[in-house]
C-alpha atoms as a PDB file:
ATOM      1  CA  UNK A   1      59.087  44.779 136.358  1.00  0.00           C
ATOM      2  CA  UNK A   2      59.330  41.802 134.026  1.00  0.00           C
ATOM      3  CA  UNK A   3      58.283  38.400 135.312  1.00  0.00           C
ATOM      4  CA  UNK A   4      61.755  37.009 134.573  1.00  0.00           C
ATOM      5  CA  UNK A   5      63.320  39.656 136.812  1.00  0.00           C
ATOM      6  CA  UNK A   6      60.813  38.973 139.570  1.00  0.00           C
ATOM      7  CA  UNK A   7      61.649  35.260 139.473  1.00  0.00           C
ATOM      8  CA  UNK A   8      65.358  36.017 139.510  1.00  0.00           C
ATOM      9  CA  UNK A   9      65.050  38.321 142.514  1.00  0.00           C
ATOM     10  CA  UNK A  10      63.040  35.736 144.426  1.00  0.00           C
ATOM     11  CA  UNK A  11      65.641  33.080 143.669  1.00  0.00           C
ATOM     12  CA  UNK A  12      68.433  35.410 144.740  1.00  0.00           C
ATOM     13  CA  UNK A  13      66.791  36.076 148.098  1.00  0.00           C
ATOM     14  CA  UNK A  14      66.208  32.352 148.611  1.00  0.00           C
ATOM     15  CA  UNK A  15      69.856  31.734 147.706  1.00  0.00           C
ATOM     16  CA  UNK A  16      71.056  34.380 150.160  1.00  0.00           C
ATOM     17  CA  UNK A  17      68.925  32.949 152.966  1.00  0.00           C
ATOM     18  CA  UNK A  18      70.151  29.401 152.381  1.00  0.00           C
ATOM     19  CA  UNK A  19      73.746  30.584 152.030  1.00  0.00           C
ATOM     20  CA  UNK A  20      73.570  32.201 155.460  1.00  0.00           C
ATOM     21  CA  UNK A  21      71.819  29.224 157.027  1.00  0.00           C
ATOM     22  CA  UNK A  22      74.521  26.954 155.601  1.00  0.00           C
ATOM     23  CA  UNK A  23      77.118  29.237 157.167  1.00  0.00           C
ATOM     24  CA  UNK A  24      75.333  28.752 160.487  1.00  0.00           C
ATOM     25  CA  UNK A  25      75.577  24.976 160.085  1.00  0.00           C
ATOM     26  CA  UNK A  26      79.252  25.110 159.106  1.00  0.00           C
ATOM     27  CA  UNK A  27      79.985  27.246 162.151  1.00  0.00           C
ATOM     28  CA  UNK A  28      78.258  24.737 164.420  1.00  0.00           C
ATOM     29  CA  UNK A  29      80.355  22.014 162.743  1.00  0.00           C
ATOM     30  CA  UNK A  30      83.502  24.033 163.636  1.00  0.00           C
ATOM     31  CA  UNK A  31      84.371  24.482 159.981  1.00  0.00           C
ATOM     32  CA  UNK A  32      83.992  28.258 160.233  1.00  0.00           C
ATOM     33  CA  UNK A  33      85.690  30.015 163.114  1.00  0.00           C
ATOM     34  CA  UNK A  34      85.974  33.512 164.491  1.00  0.00           C
ATOM     35  CA  UNK A  35      83.077  35.933 164.348  1.00  0.00           C
ATOM     36  CA  UNK A  36      80.017  35.316 162.195  1.00  0.00           C
ATOM     37  CA  UNK A  37      77.140  37.762 161.746  1.00  0.00           C
ATOM     38  CA  UNK A  38      74.239  36.448 159.675  1.00  0.00           C
ATOM     39  CA  UNK A  39      71.922  38.448 157.419  1.00  0.00           C
ATOM     40  CA  UNK A  40      68.823  36.238 157.534  1.00  0.00           C
ATOM     41  CA  UNK A  41      65.669  38.369 157.429  1.00  0.00           C
ATOM     42  CA  UNK A  42      67.224  41.435 155.801  1.00  0.00           C
ATOM     43  CA  UNK A  43      67.664  40.029 152.281  1.00  0.00           C
ATOM     44  CA  UNK A  44      65.326  42.486 150.553  1.00  0.00           C
ATOM     45  CA  UNK A  45      67.530  45.464 151.444  1.00  0.00           C
ATOM     46  CA  UNK A  46      70.873  44.408 149.958  1.00  0.00           C
ATOM     47  CA  UNK A  47      69.188  42.604 147.057  1.00  0.00           C
ATOM     48  CA  UNK A  48      66.972  45.561 146.177  1.00  0.00           C
ATOM     49  CA  UNK A  49      69.486  48.368 146.585  1.00  0.00           C
ATOM     50  CA  UNK A  50      72.321  46.607 144.779  1.00  0.00           C
ATOM     51  CA  UNK A  51      69.968  45.611 141.972  1.00  0.00           C
ATOM     52  CA  UNK A  52      69.989  49.289 140.992  1.00  0.00           C
ATOM     53  CA  UNK A  53      73.705  50.086 141.038  1.00  0.00           C
ATOM     54  CA  UNK A  54      76.114  49.743 138.133  1.00  0.00           C
ATOM     55  CA  UNK A  55      77.976  46.647 139.214  1.00  0.00           C
ATOM     56  CA  UNK A  56      81.696  46.799 138.551  1.00  0.00           C
ATOM     57  CA  UNK A  57      81.571  50.605 138.333  1.00  0.00           C
ATOM     58  CA  UNK A  58      79.977  51.933 141.513  1.00  0.00           C
ATOM     59  CA  UNK A  59      81.729  51.316 144.825  1.00  0.00           C
ATOM     60  CA  UNK A  60      80.097  49.387 147.671  1.00  0.00           C
ATOM     61  CA  UNK A  61      81.229  49.282 151.285  1.00  0.00           C
ATOM     62  CA  UNK A  62      79.595  47.957 154.439  1.00  0.00           C
ATOM     63  CA  UNK A  63      80.049  46.748 158.002  1.00  0.00           C
ATOM     64  CA  UNK A  64      80.660  43.219 159.246  1.00  0.00           C
ATOM     65  CA  UNK A  65      77.300  41.655 158.240  1.00  0.00           C
ATOM     66  CA  UNK A  66      78.705  41.586 154.748  1.00  0.00           C
ATOM     67  CA  UNK A  67      78.462  38.221 152.945  1.00  0.00           C
ATOM     68  CA  UNK A  68      75.326  39.003 150.950  1.00  0.00           C
ATOM     69  CA  UNK A  69      76.395  42.516 149.997  1.00  0.00           C
ATOM     70  CA  UNK A  70      79.619  41.083 148.583  1.00  0.00           C
ATOM     71  CA  UNK A  71      77.885  38.373 146.550  1.00  0.00           C
ATOM     72  CA  UNK A  72      75.203  40.691 145.172  1.00  0.00           C
ATOM     73  CA  UNK A  73      77.882  43.211 144.197  1.00  0.00           C
ATOM     74  CA  UNK A  74      79.575  40.485 142.164  1.00  0.00           C
ATOM     75  CA  UNK A  75      82.024  38.638 144.413  1.00  0.00           C
ATOM     76  CA  UNK A  76      81.874  34.900 143.584  1.00  0.00           C
ATOM     77  CA  UNK A  77      79.884  33.018 146.229  1.00  0.00           C
ATOM     78  CA  UNK A  78      82.486  30.250 146.145  1.00  0.00           C
ATOM     79  CA  UNK A  79      85.226  32.678 147.171  1.00  0.00           C
ATOM     80  CA  UNK A  80      83.070  34.225 149.889  1.00  0.00           C
ATOM     81  CA  UNK A  81      82.401  30.800 151.406  1.00  0.00           C
ATOM     82  CA  UNK A  82      86.067  29.850 151.065  1.00  0.00           C
ATOM     83  CA  UNK A  83      86.975  33.016 152.946  1.00  0.00           C
ATOM     84  CA  UNK A  84      84.630  32.032 155.756  1.00  0.00           C
ATOM     85  CA  UNK A  85      86.411  28.683 155.855  1.00  0.00           C
ATOM     86  CA  UNK A  86      89.757  30.498 156.054  1.00  0.00           C
ATOM     87  CA  UNK A  87      90.981  29.004 152.781  1.00  0.00           C
ATOM     88  CA  UNK A  88      93.600  30.347 150.380  1.00  0.00           C
ATOM     89  CA  UNK A  89      90.990  30.560 147.600  1.00  0.00           C
ATOM     90  CA  UNK A  90      88.887  32.972 149.674  1.00  0.00           C
ATOM     91  CA  UNK A  91      88.143  36.513 148.621  1.00  0.00           C
ATOM     92  CA  UNK A  92      90.771  37.761 151.093  1.00  0.00           C
ATOM     93  CA  UNK A  93      92.975  34.677 150.703  1.00  0.00           C
ATOM     94  CA  UNK A  94      91.756  33.355 154.049  1.00  0.00           C
ATOM     95  CA  UNK A  95      93.226  36.305 155.926  1.00  0.00           C
ATOM     96  CA  UNK A  96      90.040  38.191 156.718  1.00  0.00           C
ATOM     97  CA  UNK A  97      87.229  35.816 157.528  1.00  0.00           C
ATOM     98  CA  UNK A  98      83.571  36.732 157.812  1.00  0.00           C
ATOM     99  CA  UNK A  99      83.952  40.386 158.743  1.00  0.00           C
ATOM    100  CA  UNK A 100      86.495  41.262 156.055  1.00  0.00           C
ATOM    101  CA  UNK A 101      85.155  40.084 152.707  1.00  0.00           C
ATOM    102  CA  UNK A 102      86.880  42.184 150.040  1.00  0.00           C
ATOM    103  CA  UNK A 103      86.872  42.109 146.242  1.00  0.00           C
ATOM    104  CA  UNK A 104      88.060  45.264 144.454  1.00  0.00           C
ATOM    105  CA  UNK A 105      87.701  43.588 141.045  1.00  0.00           C
ATOM    106  CA  UNK A 106      83.937  44.164 141.384  1.00  0.00           C
ATOM    107  CA  UNK A 107      84.370  47.367 143.434  1.00  0.00           C
ATOM    108  CA  UNK A 108      83.253  45.721 146.650  1.00  0.00           C
ATOM    109  CA  UNK A 109      85.561  47.634 148.952  1.00  0.00           C
ATOM    110  CA  UNK A 110      85.031  45.537 151.999  1.00  0.00           C
ATOM    111  CA  UNK A 111      83.220  44.663 155.128  1.00  0.00           C
ATOM    112  CA  UNK A 112      84.701  46.264 158.234  1.00  0.00           C
ATOM    113  CA  UNK A 113      84.788  45.058 161.820  1.00  0.00           C
ATOM    114  CA  UNK A 114      84.983  48.453 163.507  1.00  0.00           C
ATOM    115  CA  UNK A 115      81.556  50.011 164.062  1.00  0.00           C
ATOM    116  CA  UNK A 116      81.348  53.219 162.035  1.00  0.00           C
ATOM    117  CA  UNK A 117      84.512  52.511 160.049  1.00  0.00           C
ATOM    118  CA  UNK A 118      82.883  52.418 156.583  1.00  0.00           C
ATOM    119  CA  UNK A 119      81.471  55.987 156.800  1.00  0.00           C
ATOM    120  CA  UNK A 120      84.650  58.014 156.172  1.00  0.00           C
ATOM    121  CA  UNK A 121      85.934  55.394 153.733  1.00  0.00           C
ATOM    122  CA  UNK A 122      82.734  55.767 151.707  1.00  0.00           C
ATOM    123  CA  UNK A 123      83.246  59.527 151.656  1.00  0.00           C
ATOM    124  CA  UNK A 124      86.795  58.955 150.389  1.00  0.00           C
ATOM    125  CA  UNK A 125      85.558  56.670 147.620  1.00  0.00           C
ATOM    126  CA  UNK A 126      82.950  59.256 146.641  1.00  0.00           C
ATOM    127  CA  UNK A 127      85.578  62.009 146.651  1.00  0.00           C
ATOM    128  CA  UNK A 128      87.706  59.894 144.302  1.00  0.00           C
ATOM    129  CA  UNK A 129      84.718  59.523 141.952  1.00  0.00           C
ATOM    130  CA  UNK A 130      84.234  63.284 142.013  1.00  0.00           C
ATOM    131  CA  UNK A 131      87.892  63.970 141.270  1.00  0.00           C
ATOM    132  CA  UNK A 132      87.817  61.521 138.354  1.00  0.00           C
ATOM    133  CA  UNK A 133      84.871  63.393 136.890  1.00  0.00           C
ATOM    134  CA  UNK A 134      82.818  60.240 136.340  1.00  0.00           C
ATOM    135  CA  UNK A 135      79.203  59.586 137.274  1.00  0.00           C
ATOM    136  CA  UNK A 136      80.249  56.715 139.554  1.00  0.00           C
ATOM    137  CA  UNK A 137      78.882  56.718 143.084  1.00  0.00           C
ATOM    138  CA  UNK A 138      79.742  55.137 146.416  1.00  0.00           C
ATOM    139  CA  UNK A 139      77.125  53.160 148.327  1.00  0.00           C
ATOM    140  CA  UNK A 140      77.642  52.775 152.058  1.00  0.00           C
ATOM    141  CA  UNK A 141      75.528  50.325 154.068  1.00  0.00           C
ATOM    142  CA  UNK A 142      75.271  50.973 157.782  1.00  0.00           C
ATOM    143  CA  UNK A 143      73.358  49.674 160.763  1.00  0.00           C
ATOM    144  CA  UNK A 144      71.217  51.782 163.077  1.00  0.00           C
ATOM    145  CA  UNK A 145      73.585  51.111 165.985  1.00  0.00           C
ATOM    146  CA  UNK A 146      76.555  52.594 164.141  1.00  0.00           C
ATOM    147  CA  UNK A 147      74.871  55.963 163.788  1.00  0.00           C
ATOM    148  CA  UNK A 148      75.837  56.996 167.301  1.00  0.00           C
ATOM    149  CA  UNK A 149      79.518  56.869 166.377  1.00  0.00           C
ATOM    150  CA  UNK A 150      81.357  60.145 165.921  1.00  0.00           C
ATOM    151  CA  UNK A 151      82.431  59.058 162.451  1.00  0.00           C
ATOM    152  CA  UNK A 152      78.778  59.113 161.386  1.00  0.00           C
ATOM    153  CA  UNK A 153      78.336  62.803 162.134  1.00  0.00           C
ATOM    154  CA  UNK A 154      81.762  63.818 160.857  1.00  0.00           C
ATOM    155  CA  UNK A 155      81.153  62.007 157.584  1.00  0.00           C
ATOM    156  CA  UNK A 156      77.642  63.379 157.073  1.00  0.00           C
ATOM    157  CA  UNK A 157      78.936  66.910 157.527  1.00  0.00           C
ATOM    158  CA  UNK A 158      81.837  66.331 155.138  1.00  0.00           C
ATOM    159  CA  UNK A 159      79.715  64.579 152.503  1.00  0.00           C
ATOM    160  CA  UNK A 160      77.210  67.427 152.487  1.00  0.00           C
ATOM    161  CA  UNK A 161      79.798  70.209 152.568  1.00  0.00           C
ATOM    162  CA  UNK A 162      81.766  68.689 149.690  1.00  0.00           C
ATOM    163  CA  UNK A 163      78.643  67.627 147.765  1.00  0.00           C
ATOM    164  CA  UNK A 164      79.898  64.050 147.462  1.00  0.00           C
ATOM    165  CA  UNK A 165      78.239  61.362 145.275  1.00  0.00           C
ATOM    166  CA  UNK A 166      77.523  58.915 148.094  1.00  0.00           C
ATOM    167  CA  UNK A 167      74.383  57.022 149.074  1.00  0.00           C
ATOM    168  CA  UNK A 168      74.094  56.045 152.728  1.00  0.00           C
ATOM    169  CA  UNK A 169      71.807  53.048 153.252  1.00  0.00           C
ATOM    170  CA  UNK A 170      70.726  52.496 156.855  1.00  0.00           C
ATOM    171  CA  UNK A 171      69.536  48.955 157.564  1.00  0.00           C
ATOM    172  CA  UNK A 172      67.550  49.618 160.724  1.00  0.00           C
ATOM    173  CA  UNK A 173      67.095  46.140 162.189  1.00  0.00           C
ATOM    174  CA  UNK A 174      65.913  47.615 165.505  1.00  0.00           C
ATOM    175  CA  UNK A 175      68.854  46.472 167.636  1.00  0.00           C
ATOM    176  CA  UNK A 176      72.450  47.502 168.235  1.00  0.00           C
ATOM    177  CA  UNK A 177      73.846  44.129 169.308  1.00  0.00           C
ATOM    178  CA  UNK A 178      71.394  43.461 172.169  1.00  0.00           C
ATOM    179  CA  UNK A 179      70.125  46.977 172.842  1.00  0.00           C
ATOM    180  CA  UNK A 180      66.843  48.057 171.312  1.00  0.00           C
ATOM    181  CA  UNK A 181      67.079  51.300 169.387  1.00  0.00           C
ATOM    182  CA  UNK A 182      64.708  53.273 171.629  1.00  0.00           C
ATOM    183  CA  UNK A 183      66.963  52.533 174.617  1.00  0.00           C
ATOM    184  CA  UNK A 184      70.115  53.838 172.944  1.00  0.00           C
ATOM    185  CA  UNK A 185      69.089  56.541 170.497  1.00  0.00           C
ATOM    186  CA  UNK A 186      67.197  59.763 171.145  1.00  0.00           C
ATOM    187  CA  UNK A 187      65.914  60.041 167.559  1.00  0.00           C
ATOM    188  CA  UNK A 188      64.567  56.613 166.617  1.00  0.00           C
ATOM    189  CA  UNK A 189      63.774  57.494 162.981  1.00  0.00           C
ATOM    190  CA  UNK A 190      67.276  57.442 161.559  1.00  0.00           C
ATOM    191  CA  UNK A 191      66.465  59.326 158.373  1.00  0.00           C
ATOM    192  CA  UNK A 192      65.645  62.413 160.442  1.00  0.00           C
ATOM    193  CA  UNK A 193      69.132  62.549 161.911  1.00  0.00           C
ATOM    194  CA  UNK A 194      70.763  63.913 158.753  1.00  0.00           C
ATOM    195  CA  UNK A 195      68.534  66.977 158.429  1.00  0.00           C
ATOM    196  CA  UNK A 196      71.123  68.897 160.445  1.00  0.00           C
ATOM    197  CA  UNK A 197      73.598  68.261 157.639  1.00  0.00           C
ATOM    198  CA  UNK A 198      71.241  69.344 154.867  1.00  0.00           C
ATOM    199  CA  UNK A 199      71.144  65.843 153.357  1.00  0.00           C
ATOM    200  CA  UNK A 200      67.848  64.717 151.784  1.00  0.00           C
ATOM    201  CA  UNK A 201      66.549  61.471 153.237  1.00  0.00           C
ATOM    202  CA  UNK A 202      63.636  59.054 153.350  1.00  0.00           C
ATOM    203  CA  UNK A 203      62.369  56.015 155.252  1.00  0.00           C
ATOM    204  CA  UNK A 204      60.869  52.870 153.708  1.00  0.00           C
ATOM    205  CA  UNK A 205      59.711  49.317 154.372  1.00  0.00           C
ATOM    206  CA  UNK A 206      62.780  47.105 154.118  1.00  0.00           C
ATOM    207  CA  UNK A 207      60.801  43.857 153.923  1.00  0.00           C
ATOM    208  CA  UNK A 208      59.199  44.560 150.541  1.00  0.00           C
ATOM    209  CA  UNK A 209      61.826  44.169 147.836  1.00  0.00           C
ATOM    210  CA  UNK A 210      59.922  46.122 145.203  1.00  0.00           C
ATOM    211  CA  UNK A 211      59.535  49.027 147.636  1.00  0.00           C
ATOM    212  CA  UNK A 212      63.276  48.843 148.258  1.00  0.00           C
ATOM    213  CA  UNK A 213      64.027  48.862 144.533  1.00  0.00           C
ATOM    214  CA  UNK A 214      61.785  51.854 143.834  1.00  0.00           C
ATOM    215  CA  UNK A 215      63.225  53.861 146.736  1.00  0.00           C
ATOM    216  CA  UNK A 216      66.800  52.934 145.849  1.00  0.00           C
ATOM    217  CA  UNK A 217      66.298  53.888 142.192  1.00  0.00           C
ATOM    218  CA  UNK A 218      65.182  57.396 143.140  1.00  0.00           C
ATOM    219  CA  UNK A 219      67.977  57.838 145.677  1.00  0.00           C
ATOM    220  CA  UNK A 220      70.656  56.577 143.288  1.00  0.00           C
ATOM    221  CA  UNK A 221      69.388  58.841 140.509  1.00  0.00           C
ATOM    222  CA  UNK A 222      69.616  61.789 142.912  1.00  0.00           C
ATOM    223  CA  UNK A 223      73.236  60.992 143.787  1.00  0.00           C
ATOM    224  CA  UNK A 224      74.358  60.080 140.264  1.00  0.00           C
ATOM    225  CA  UNK A 225      72.860  63.254 138.831  1.00  0.00           C
ATOM    226  CA  UNK A 226      75.289  65.400 140.797  1.00  0.00           C
ATOM    227  CA  UNK A 227      72.918  66.443 143.563  1.00  0.00           C
ATOM    228  CA  UNK A 228      75.171  65.353 146.406  1.00  0.00           C
ATOM    229  CA  UNK A 229      74.606  62.704 149.083  1.00  0.00           C
ATOM    230  CA  UNK A 230      71.368  60.972 150.024  1.00  0.00           C
ATOM    231  CA  UNK A 231      70.438  59.017 153.149  1.00  0.00           C
ATOM    232  CA  UNK A 232      67.875  56.254 152.934  1.00  0.00           C
ATOM    233  CA  UNK A 233      66.558  54.179 155.855  1.00  0.00           C
ATOM    234  CA  UNK A 234      64.974  50.746 155.517  1.00  0.00           C
ATOM    235  CA  UNK A 235      63.079  49.221 158.423  1.00  0.00           C
ATOM    236  CA  UNK A 236      63.997  45.562 158.665  1.00  0.00           C
ATOM    237  CA  UNK A 237      64.666  42.786 161.197  1.00  0.00           C
ATOM    238  CA  UNK A 238      67.365  40.178 161.638  1.00  0.00           C
ATOM    239  CA  UNK A 239      65.946  36.757 162.370  1.00  0.00           C
ATOM    240  CA  UNK A 240      68.943  35.515 164.324  1.00  0.00           C
ATOM    241  CA  UNK A 241      70.940  37.064 167.137  1.00  0.00           C
ATOM    242  CA  UNK A 242      73.597  39.689 166.606  1.00  0.00           C
ATOM    243  CA  UNK A 243      76.271  37.052 166.006  1.00  0.00           C
ATOM    244  CA  UNK A 244      76.938  33.388 166.632  1.00  0.00           C
ATOM    245  CA  UNK A 245      77.828  34.238 170.222  1.00  0.00           C
ATOM    246  CA  UNK A 246      74.252  35.493 170.578  1.00  0.00           C
ATOM    247  CA  UNK A 247      72.254  32.406 169.661  1.00  0.00           C
ATOM    248  CA  UNK A 248      69.142  33.034 171.766  1.00  0.00           C
ATOM    249  CA  UNK A 249      68.563  36.800 171.359  1.00  0.00           C
ATOM    250  CA  UNK A 250      67.006  36.608 174.829  1.00  0.00           C
ATOM    251  CA  UNK A 251      66.596  40.390 174.936  1.00  0.00           C
ATOM    252  CA  UNK A 252      63.816  40.152 172.321  1.00  0.00           C
ATOM    253  CA  UNK A 253      60.288  39.023 173.070  1.00  0.00           C
ATOM    254  CA  UNK A 254      58.941  35.995 171.264  1.00  0.00           C
ATOM    255  CA  UNK A 255      55.838  38.048 170.394  1.00  0.00           C
ATOM    256  CA  UNK A 256      58.005  40.571 168.577  1.00  0.00           C
ATOM    257  CA  UNK A 257      59.785  37.847 166.648  1.00  0.00           C
ATOM    258  CA  UNK A 258      56.486  36.258 165.621  1.00  0.00           C
ATOM    259  CA  UNK A 259      55.140  39.584 164.333  1.00  0.00           C
ATOM    260  CA  UNK A 260      58.245  40.263 162.265  1.00  0.00           C
ATOM    261  CA  UNK A 261      58.250  36.674 160.970  1.00  0.00           C
ATOM    262  CA  UNK A 262      54.915  37.457 159.328  1.00  0.00           C
ATOM    263  CA  UNK A 263      56.793  40.044 157.284  1.00  0.00           C
ATOM    264  CA  UNK A 264      59.660  37.821 156.205  1.00  0.00           C
ATOM    265  CA  UNK A 265      60.767  39.369 152.862  1.00  0.00           C
ATOM    266  CA  UNK A 266      60.946  35.997 151.098  1.00  0.00           C
ATOM    267  CA  UNK A 267      57.515  34.985 152.379  1.00  0.00           C
ATOM    268  CA  UNK A 268      55.982  38.305 151.304  1.00  0.00           C
ATOM    269  CA  UNK A 269      57.495  38.213 147.825  1.00  0.00           C
ATOM    270  CA  UNK A 270      56.665  34.550 147.286  1.00  0.00           C
ATOM    271  CA  UNK A 271      53.031  35.167 148.198  1.00  0.00           C
ATOM    272  CA  UNK A 272      52.871  38.196 145.905  1.00  0.00           C
ATOM    273  CA  UNK A 273      54.316  36.363 142.911  1.00  0.00           C
ATOM    274  CA  UNK A 274      52.116  33.303 143.454  1.00  0.00           C
ATOM    275  CA  UNK A 275      49.045  35.529 143.637  1.00  0.00           C
ATOM    276  CA  UNK A 276      50.104  37.300 140.436  1.00  0.00           C
ATOM    277  CA  UNK A 277      50.679  33.877 138.818  1.00  0.00           C
ATOM    278  CA  UNK A 278      54.313  34.716 138.101  1.00  0.00           C
ATOM    279  CA  UNK A 279      55.360  31.533 139.915  1.00  0.00           C
ATOM    280  CA  UNK A 280      53.646  28.550 141.481  1.00  0.00           C
ATOM    281  CA  UNK A 281      54.309  26.854 144.813  1.00  0.00           C
ATOM    282  CA  UNK A 282      55.951  24.070 142.812  1.00  0.00           C
ATOM    283  CA  UNK A 283      58.262  26.606 141.139  1.00  0.00           C
ATOM    284  CA  UNK A 284      59.352  27.898 144.548  1.00  0.00           C
ATOM    285  CA  UNK A 285      60.046  24.388 145.807  1.00  0.00           C
ATOM    286  CA  UNK A 286      62.110  23.767 142.686  1.00  0.00           C
ATOM    287  CA  UNK A 287      64.077  26.961 143.338  1.00  0.00           C
ATOM    288  CA  UNK A 288      64.742  25.836 146.897  1.00  0.00           C
ATOM    289  CA  UNK A 289      65.991  22.448 145.716  1.00  0.00           C
ATOM    290  CA  UNK A 290      68.173  24.007 143.030  1.00  0.00           C
ATOM    291  CA  UNK A 291      69.665  26.524 145.459  1.00  0.00           C
ATOM    292  CA  UNK A 292      70.417  23.916 148.117  1.00  0.00           C
ATOM    293  CA  UNK A 293      72.098  21.713 145.527  1.00  0.00           C
ATOM    294  CA  UNK A 294      74.233  24.604 144.255  1.00  0.00           C
ATOM    295  CA  UNK A 295      75.317  25.620 147.737  1.00  0.00           C
ATOM    296  CA  UNK A 296      76.122  22.118 148.941  1.00  0.00           C
ATOM    297  CA  UNK A 297      77.593  20.515 145.844  1.00  0.00           C
ATOM    298  CA  UNK A 298      79.422  23.493 144.395  1.00  0.00           C
ATOM    299  CA  UNK A 299      80.016  26.310 146.876  1.00  0.00           C
ATOM    300  CA  UNK A 300      80.573  24.357 150.109  1.00  0.00           C
ATOM    301  CA  UNK A 301      82.412  21.602 148.226  1.00  0.00           C
ATOM    302  CA  UNK A 302      84.763  24.213 146.755  1.00  0.00           C
ATOM    303  CA  UNK A 303      85.431  25.714 150.190  1.00  0.00           C
ATOM    304  CA  UNK A 304      86.019  22.386 151.889  1.00  0.00           C
ATOM    305  CA  UNK A 305      88.329  21.094 149.162  1.00  0.00           C
ATOM    306  CA  UNK A 306      90.342  24.307 148.848  1.00  0.00           C
ATOM    307  CA  UNK A 307      93.811  24.441 150.425  1.00  0.00           C
ATOM    308  CA  UNK A 308      94.515  26.340 153.616  1.00  0.00           C
ATOM    309  CA  UNK A 309      97.030  29.215 153.426  1.00  0.00           C
ATOM    310  CA  UNK A 310     100.626  28.012 153.751  1.00  0.00           C
ATOM    311  CA  UNK A 311     102.430  28.722 156.992  1.00  0.00           C
ATOM    312  CA  UNK A 312     105.426  30.018 155.042  1.00  0.00           C
ATOM    313  CA  UNK A 313     103.128  32.632 153.470  1.00  0.00           C
ATOM    314  CA  UNK A 314     102.246  34.114 156.869  1.00  0.00           C
ATOM    315  CA  UNK A 315     103.838  37.465 156.035  1.00  0.00           C
ATOM    316  CA  UNK A 316     102.607  37.498 152.451  1.00  0.00           C
ATOM    317  CA  UNK A 317     100.153  40.292 151.593  1.00  0.00           C
ATOM    318  CA  UNK A 318     101.066  42.270 154.722  1.00  0.00           C
ATOM    319  CA  UNK A 319     102.357  44.752 152.192  1.00  0.00           C
ATOM    320  CA  UNK A 320     100.770  44.539 148.783  1.00  0.00           C
ATOM    321  CA  UNK A 321     103.479  43.099 146.557  1.00  0.00           C
ATOM    322  CA  UNK A 322     101.285  40.399 145.032  1.00  0.00           C
ATOM    323  CA  UNK A 323     100.339  40.123 141.340  1.00  0.00           C
ATOM    324  CA  UNK A 324      97.010  38.605 142.390  1.00  0.00           C
ATOM    325  CA  UNK A 325      94.386  40.579 140.380  1.00  0.00           C
ATOM    326  CA  UNK A 326      92.025  40.551 143.343  1.00  0.00           C
ATOM    327  CA  UNK A 327      94.339  42.990 145.089  1.00  0.00           C
ATOM    328  CA  UNK A 328      95.058  46.600 144.243  1.00  0.00           C
ATOM    329  CA  UNK A 329      98.467  47.190 142.593  1.00  0.00           C
ATOM    330  CA  UNK A 330     101.775  47.492 144.458  1.00  0.00           C
ATOM    331  CA  UNK A 331     102.466  50.393 146.768  1.00  0.00           C
ATOM    332  CA  UNK A 332     104.523  53.168 145.225  1.00  0.00           C
ATOM    333  CA  UNK A 333     107.696  54.309 146.970  1.00  0.00           C
ATOM    334  CA  UNK A 334     107.327  57.799 148.340  1.00  0.00           C
END
């Protein structure tokens, strides 16, 4: 990998971390309401996997921890933040909030609040790609806790049977809300669970971004080459609680958190690039300063200064009759 790309990836992960931490602050300031699920600690997974897709062509779908997936897919960070603020300039015009970021112009087909909801939708997107006869693929991110939903098993069976071009990416952050995986799931290694559906799979370190990129490249090549679905599991760890209503994560031991903190993906990659003399400590500090300035003086400023949706527009977009290019075209009469 070129040094320029390594620097860019490091900056992106730093940006994603600071974006999420700024969301935390805005929530505590009561500027963001509703539910808020932060991605801090898992940055290497979304950054690495989505580095390898064809942005604007492949389809991406995920659950409710979705801000970073949307931005990396191509949704403007300004519009994502504005959506969190509930503003009319948001990616869902302030109607969706944190769990429903959506931008079809870049083929980011949404974050979804219902656990397990993205699975069948991803299969549908992949089926559409197959019918169109293109080499587009669908990428579905999922958490380890969602894999006990019936939709998981139904979708895996369907994807395999129909030989669909879909990549399932399991972000195994060890916990389903507050329940540790070994207390809720008989088969802890998630990649083994799809063998019954004849889907090839693999498990990898989700804290090392270059490992993620290499594994994702092979998996995506498998799917894009017409070989059917692939399931890839990345072992990772969220640094905060499940959501903002879970600020203490009291169900986790401090010892466990300390051990995982040693494998912070940004820390690991920074140390690697400094050792390889790709960047210096001063370069990293400069990145941090630049990122913080961009978030505060551009992205947050845009969100705070944007107008709220108008009360008279309450029923607007309930049915899609809007010319807004961020929305799919009008419904056809049947």
